[in-house]
Amino acid sequence: MSEPTIIIKQEAGCRAGCGACCIAPSISSAIPGMPNGKPAGVRCIQLDEHNLCRLFGDSRRPTVCGNFHFDMSVCGEHRDQALATLSYLEAETS
């Protein structure tokens, strides 16, 4: 696969199985199974064993989650970069 194809695929949306945005940031709104939200660095209870959101497309999914969109400058080229960047941003803004 050529690099332009990879970039086009990544610009289209998040990487299935990444889950960084469901782990690194704190979420202050209620999540089914986590009525007080979640602290930074804690895996969301709705993130399944494949790092996919069980609430994707569900009206119970927190608005903050639905408003988060893939951005190459945040998500990087792989999951470890996304976790590092999101953890850094969380620490700098809390």
Protein backbone atom coordinates (compact mmCIF):
# COMPACT_ATOMS: atom_id res chain seq x y z
CA MET A 1 0.00 0.00 0.00
CA SER A 2 1.43 3.38 -0.92
CA GLU A 3 1.72 6.17 1.62
CA PRO A 4 -0.89 8.43 -0.07
CA THR A 5 -3.41 5.59 0.31
CA ILE A 6 -2.62 5.34 4.01
CA ILE A 7 -3.05 9.10 4.48
CA ILE A 8 -6.35 9.09 2.58
CA LYS A 9 -7.62 6.20 4.68
CA GLN A 10 -6.60 7.96 7.90
CA GLU A 11 -8.15 11.26 6.88
CA ALA A 12 -11.45 9.44 6.34
CA GLY A 13 -11.77 8.59 10.02
CA CYS A 14 -10.44 6.87 13.08
CA ARG A 15 -8.57 3.60 13.01
CA ALA A 16 -10.69 0.69 14.12
CA GLY A 17 -9.08 -0.97 17.11
CA CYS A 18 -7.15 2.10 18.29
CA GLY A 19 -9.28 3.14 21.27
CA ALA A 20 -6.81 5.82 22.42
CA CYS A 21 -9.57 8.41 22.74
CA CYS A 22 -11.45 5.99 25.02
CA ILE A 23 -8.47 5.61 27.37
CA ALA A 24 -6.27 8.72 27.54
CA PRO A 25 -8.72 11.59 28.19
CA SER A 26 -10.94 12.13 31.18
CA ILE A 27 -14.67 12.20 30.44
CA SER A 28 -16.79 14.14 32.91
CA SER A 29 -20.19 13.17 31.53
CA ALA A 30 -21.97 9.97 32.47
CA ILE A 31 -21.22 6.84 30.45
CA PRO A 32 -23.42 3.74 30.73
CA GLY A 33 -21.66 1.67 33.38
CA MET A 34 -19.60 4.70 34.50
CA PRO A 35 -22.17 7.17 35.88
CA ASN A 36 -19.49 9.63 37.05
CA GLY A 37 -17.55 9.54 33.79
CA LYS A 38 -13.96 8.34 33.81
CA PRO A 39 -10.59 9.70 34.86
CA ALA A 40 -7.74 10.15 32.41
CA GLY A 41 -5.81 6.97 31.65
CA VAL A 42 -8.68 4.67 32.61
CA ARG A 43 -10.12 2.43 29.93
CA CYS A 44 -13.78 3.21 29.22
CA ILE A 45 -16.02 0.33 30.26
CA GLN A 46 -17.69 0.57 26.84
CA LEU A 47 -14.45 -0.17 24.99
CA ASP A 48 -14.57 -3.84 23.97
CA GLU A 49 -11.74 -6.38 23.75
CA HIS A 50 -11.03 -5.25 20.18
CA ASN A 51 -10.75 -1.58 21.25
CA LEU A 52 -14.07 -0.73 19.59
CA CYS A 53 -16.75 1.40 21.23
CA ARG A 54 -19.84 -0.60 22.16
CA LEU A 55 -21.88 2.63 22.03
CA PHE A 56 -20.82 3.77 18.55
CA GLY A 57 -24.02 4.87 16.78
CA ASP A 58 -26.01 4.53 20.02
CA SER A 59 -27.89 7.54 21.45
CA ARG A 60 -26.43 6.74 24.89
CA ARG A 61 -22.92 7.51 23.68
CA PRO A 62 -21.68 10.69 25.41
CA THR A 63 -21.78 13.81 23.25
CA VAL A 64 -18.10 14.48 23.94
CA CYS A 65 -17.25 11.11 22.39
CA GLY A 66 -19.37 11.77 19.32
CA ASN A 67 -17.74 15.18 18.89
CA PHE A 68 -14.20 13.80 18.88
CA HIS A 69 -12.98 13.33 15.32
CA PHE A 70 -9.86 11.79 13.89
CA ASP A 71 -7.16 14.38 13.32
CA MET A 72 -3.77 13.32 12.02
CA SER A 73 -2.02 15.87 14.26
CA VAL A 74 -3.60 14.25 17.34
CA CYS A 75 -3.95 10.61 16.30
CA GLY A 76 -0.61 10.28 14.52
CA GLU A 77 0.27 7.29 12.41
CA HIS A 78 -0.48 4.59 14.98
CA ARG A 79 -2.17 3.93 18.32
CA ASP A 80 0.91 4.58 20.47
CA GLN A 81 1.26 8.07 18.99
CA ALA A 82 -2.42 8.76 19.63
CA LEU A 83 -2.15 7.61 23.26
CA ALA A 84 0.96 9.73 23.84
CA THR A 85 -0.51 12.87 22.28
CA LEU A 86 -3.89 12.55 23.97
CA SER A 87 -2.24 11.85 27.34
CA TYR A 88 -0.04 14.91 26.92
CA LEU A 89 -3.00 17.12 25.95
CA GLU A 90 -5.00 15.81 28.90
CA ALA A 91 -2.18 16.58 31.34
CA GLU A 92 -1.67 20.06 29.89
CA THR A 93 -5.36 20.99 30.10
CA SER A 94 -6.38 19.54 33.43
